[in-house]
Amino acid sequence: MQYYIFDAVSPNDDAPFLELPEEIDLIESIMGKKPDFYELPIEIQAEIDEGEEVVYTDIINPGVPLFSEKMKSSLDELGVDNIDYYPVVIVEWETKEVLANYWLAIVKDLIACIDLENSEISKNASGREIITKFAVDHTKTTGSNLFRFHHIPGLVIINDDLKEKLSKIEFTGVRFQHTNEYTRDV
C-alpha cells in the first residue's frame, strides 16, 4: 500500500493571507479534537491588497485545512467519514464582504503507524528527536483511507486508493506528495 500527503499546493502565491480567529485552536484542531465554536459559520478574515489577483483553490491551508464545497462533497461521496466539518466564510478584513465559503476539516483519526525502525530520526539543536523521513507500517493503519500520523499530526495522509479516485476529479491547488518524498530539516 502506498501513501500520500494530501495538502494544498505550497507555496501558493495567489492564495489570500488568512488571519485565523482565536476560536480555532491549531493544536487541538490538528489533534482531531472536537472544537467548541461560539458561532457558525466561522469567520476568517482575509487581507487582500487592492488589485491583487486571488485564487480560491480546493484546499487552503493556513495551519488547518480548509476544503472547498467540491472537495468536501467529493470526500463525502467517496465514503470518507472521519472528518468533522465546520462552515467557514472568508471575509475581506476591512469591508467584511464575503469572498468565499469553505469547510474547516478536522480529521478525527490519529494513527500510530509510522515504522520507526525504517524511518530516519535526527536530533535538533535542543536534543529533541525529529522524524526527518518516514516509512508507513500499513498493518497499523487500520484500513483508514485518510488520517493523520500520531507522531507527525500536521500531515494529512491518504492511501493510494483514495488518491487515485481524487486524482480523477479536476481540483485546483491540491497536491498528492508520496510519503517517500517527505523530508524535514532539523
Protein backbone atom coordinates (compact mmCIF):
# COMPACT_ATOMS: atom_id res chain seq x y z
CA MET A 1 0.00 0.00 0.00
CA GLN A 2 1.27 3.45 -0.94
CA TYR A 3 0.51 6.65 0.98
CA TYR A 4 0.44 10.32 0.07
CA ILE A 5 0.49 13.62 1.89
CA PHE A 6 -2.80 15.36 0.99
CA ASP A 7 -2.47 19.14 1.10
CA ALA A 8 -2.68 22.46 -0.67
CA VAL A 9 -0.05 23.28 -3.27
CA SER A 10 2.61 25.24 -1.45
CA PRO A 11 3.70 27.91 -1.85
CA ASN A 12 0.60 29.36 -3.48
CA ASP A 13 1.35 32.99 -4.18
CA ASP A 14 -2.24 33.57 -5.33
CA ALA A 15 -3.87 32.37 -2.09
CA PRO A 16 -5.26 35.01 0.24
CA PHE A 17 -3.48 35.78 3.51
CA LEU A 18 -5.86 34.46 6.16
CA GLU A 19 -5.98 35.51 9.81
CA LEU A 20 -7.32 32.60 11.85
CA PRO A 21 -9.68 33.62 14.65
CA GLU A 22 -8.72 32.80 18.24
CA GLU A 23 -11.53 30.27 18.47
CA ILE A 24 -9.62 27.94 16.10
CA ASP A 25 -7.02 26.26 18.28
CA LEU A 26 -4.37 24.98 15.87
CA ILE A 27 -3.04 22.26 18.18
CA GLU A 28 -6.45 20.92 19.15
CA SER A 29 -7.64 21.03 15.52
CA ILE A 30 -4.58 19.13 14.28
CA MET A 31 -5.01 16.59 17.08
CA GLY A 32 -8.57 15.91 15.88
CA LYS A 33 -10.33 17.29 18.95
CA LYS A 34 -13.90 18.45 18.55
CA PRO A 35 -13.92 22.25 18.82
CA ASP A 36 -16.46 24.32 20.67
CA PHE A 37 -17.15 27.24 18.37
CA TYR A 38 -19.07 30.25 19.61
CA GLU A 39 -20.92 30.77 16.37
CA LEU A 40 -21.16 29.17 12.94
CA PRO A 41 -20.16 29.83 10.28
CA ILE A 42 -16.64 30.66 11.44
CA GLU A 43 -15.47 33.97 10.05
CA ILE A 44 -11.90 34.09 8.80
CA GLN A 45 -10.56 37.43 7.70
CA ALA A 46 -8.54 37.77 4.51
CA GLU A 47 -6.10 40.55 3.86
CA ILE A 48 -6.04 41.28 0.15
CA ASP A 49 -4.18 44.17 -1.41
CA GLU A 50 -6.09 46.29 -3.91
CA GLY A 51 -5.75 44.86 -7.40
CA GLU A 52 -4.30 41.60 -6.10
CA GLU A 53 -5.39 38.51 -8.03
CA VAL A 54 -6.63 35.87 -5.58
CA VAL A 55 -7.31 32.25 -6.45
CA TYR A 56 -9.54 30.22 -4.14
CA THR A 57 -8.33 26.65 -4.52
CA ASP A 58 -9.98 23.44 -3.37
CA ILE A 59 -7.69 23.26 -0.32
CA ILE A 60 -6.34 26.26 1.54
CA ASN A 61 -4.09 25.50 4.49
CA PRO A 62 -3.43 28.46 6.82
CA GLY A 63 -2.37 25.96 9.54
CA VAL A 64 -5.59 23.94 9.41
CA PRO A 65 -7.11 22.51 6.23
CA LEU A 66 -9.98 24.42 4.67
CA PHE A 67 -11.83 22.44 1.98
CA SER A 68 -13.98 23.81 -0.81
CA GLU A 69 -17.52 22.53 -1.19
CA LYS A 70 -16.28 20.49 -4.16
CA MET A 71 -13.59 18.81 -2.04
CA LYS A 72 -15.96 18.14 0.87
CA SER A 73 -18.64 16.71 -1.45
CA SER A 74 -16.09 14.53 -3.23
CA LEU A 75 -14.75 13.10 0.02
CA ASP A 76 -18.31 12.51 1.25
CA GLU A 77 -19.22 10.72 -1.99
CA LEU A 78 -16.08 8.57 -1.71
CA GLY A 79 -17.14 7.43 1.78
CA VAL A 80 -14.59 9.37 3.85
CA ASP A 81 -16.41 9.68 7.16
CA ASN A 82 -13.70 10.51 9.68
CA ILE A 83 -13.69 14.29 9.19
CA ASP A 84 -15.74 16.76 11.20
CA TYR A 85 -16.65 19.76 9.05
CA TYR A 86 -17.46 23.28 10.21
CA PRO A 87 -18.66 26.01 7.82
CA VAL A 88 -16.28 28.89 7.21
CA VAL A 89 -16.79 32.21 5.47
CA ILE A 90 -13.73 34.06 4.28
CA VAL A 91 -14.37 37.78 4.50
CA GLU A 92 -12.38 40.82 3.45
CA TRP A 93 -10.98 42.20 6.71
CA GLU A 94 -11.96 45.84 6.13
CA THR A 95 -15.31 45.63 4.34
CA LYS A 96 -16.45 42.25 5.76
CA GLU A 97 -17.54 41.32 2.23
CA VAL A 98 -17.90 37.54 1.89
CA LEU A 99 -15.23 36.35 -0.54
CA ALA A 100 -15.59 32.57 -0.34
CA ASN A 101 -17.21 29.71 1.55
CA TYR A 102 -15.16 26.78 2.83
CA TRP A 103 -15.25 23.96 5.34
CA LEU A 104 -12.82 23.64 8.23
CA ALA A 105 -11.83 19.97 8.11
CA ILE A 106 -10.93 18.32 11.43
CA VAL A 107 -9.50 14.86 10.73
CA LYS A 108 -10.50 12.70 13.68
CA ASP A 109 -8.17 9.73 13.17
CA LEU A 110 -4.62 9.99 14.52
CA ILE A 111 -2.89 6.66 13.93
CA ALA A 112 0.45 5.48 15.30
CA CYS A 113 1.53 3.78 12.09
CA ILE A 114 4.97 5.20 11.36
CA ASP A 115 7.50 2.39 11.09
CA LEU A 116 10.16 3.95 13.33
CA GLU A 117 12.73 1.24 12.56
CA ASN A 118 12.66 2.14 8.85
CA SER A 119 12.37 5.89 9.33
CA GLU A 120 15.11 8.47 9.69
CA ILE A 121 15.30 10.30 13.00
CA SER A 122 17.64 13.18 13.82
CA LYS A 123 18.16 15.34 16.88
CA ASN A 124 17.51 19.05 16.67
CA ALA A 125 19.59 21.74 18.39
CA SER A 126 17.82 21.17 21.71
CA GLY A 127 18.40 17.40 21.56
CA ARG A 128 14.80 16.51 20.69
CA GLU A 129 14.35 13.64 18.24
CA ILE A 130 12.63 14.62 14.99
CA ILE A 131 11.39 12.27 12.28
CA THR A 132 13.02 13.59 9.09
CA LYS A 133 11.91 10.79 6.73
CA PHE A 134 9.37 8.13 7.48
CA ALA A 135 8.04 4.79 6.40
CA VAL A 136 4.43 3.73 6.96
CA ASP A 137 3.56 0.40 8.57
CA HIS A 138 0.38 -0.34 6.61
CA THR A 139 -0.57 -3.12 9.04
CA LYS A 140 -1.21 -0.40 11.65
CA THR A 141 -3.32 1.96 9.52
CA THR A 142 -6.50 0.07 10.49
CA GLY A 143 -7.63 0.25 6.86
CA SER A 144 -8.21 4.01 7.03
CA ASN A 145 -8.03 5.79 3.70
CA LEU A 146 -7.45 9.25 5.27
CA PHE A 147 -5.81 10.01 8.61
CA ARG A 148 -3.14 11.94 10.47
CA PHE A 149 0.02 10.43 11.93
CA HIS A 150 0.26 10.18 15.69
CA HIS A 151 3.95 11.20 15.51
CA ILE A 152 3.52 13.95 12.86
CA PRO A 153 -0.08 15.17 13.27
CA GLY A 154 0.40 18.19 10.99
CA LEU A 155 0.21 15.95 7.92
CA VAL A 156 -2.99 14.58 6.40
CA ILE A 157 -2.28 11.20 4.80
CA ILE A 158 -4.33 9.31 2.20
CA ASN A 159 -3.86 5.84 0.79
CA ASP A 160 -3.31 5.13 -2.91
CA ASP A 161 -6.90 4.02 -3.47
CA LEU A 162 -8.31 7.37 -2.31
CA LYS A 163 -5.54 9.25 -4.13
CA GLU A 164 -6.43 7.54 -7.42
CA LYS A 165 -10.12 8.38 -7.02
CA LEU A 166 -9.41 12.01 -6.10
CA SER A 167 -6.93 12.34 -8.99
CA LYS A 168 -9.76 11.72 -11.45
CA ILE A 169 -11.55 14.87 -10.23
CA GLU A 170 -10.37 18.24 -11.53
CA PHE A 171 -9.28 20.10 -8.41
CA THR A 172 -7.22 23.27 -8.24
CA GLY A 173 -4.38 23.81 -5.80
CA VAL A 174 -4.32 20.23 -4.48
CA ARG A 175 -1.22 18.07 -4.23
CA PHE A 176 -0.58 14.43 -3.51
CA GLN A 177 3.03 14.06 -2.39
CA HIS A 178 4.23 10.49 -1.99
CA THR A 179 5.32 9.91 1.59
CA ASN A 180 8.72 8.70 0.32
CA GLU A 181 9.36 12.27 -0.85
CA TYR A 182 8.81 13.77 2.60
CA THR A 183 11.83 15.32 4.25
CA ARG A 184 12.06 17.58 7.24
CA ASP A 185 15.07 19.69 8.03
CA VAL A 186 16.34 19.71 11.60
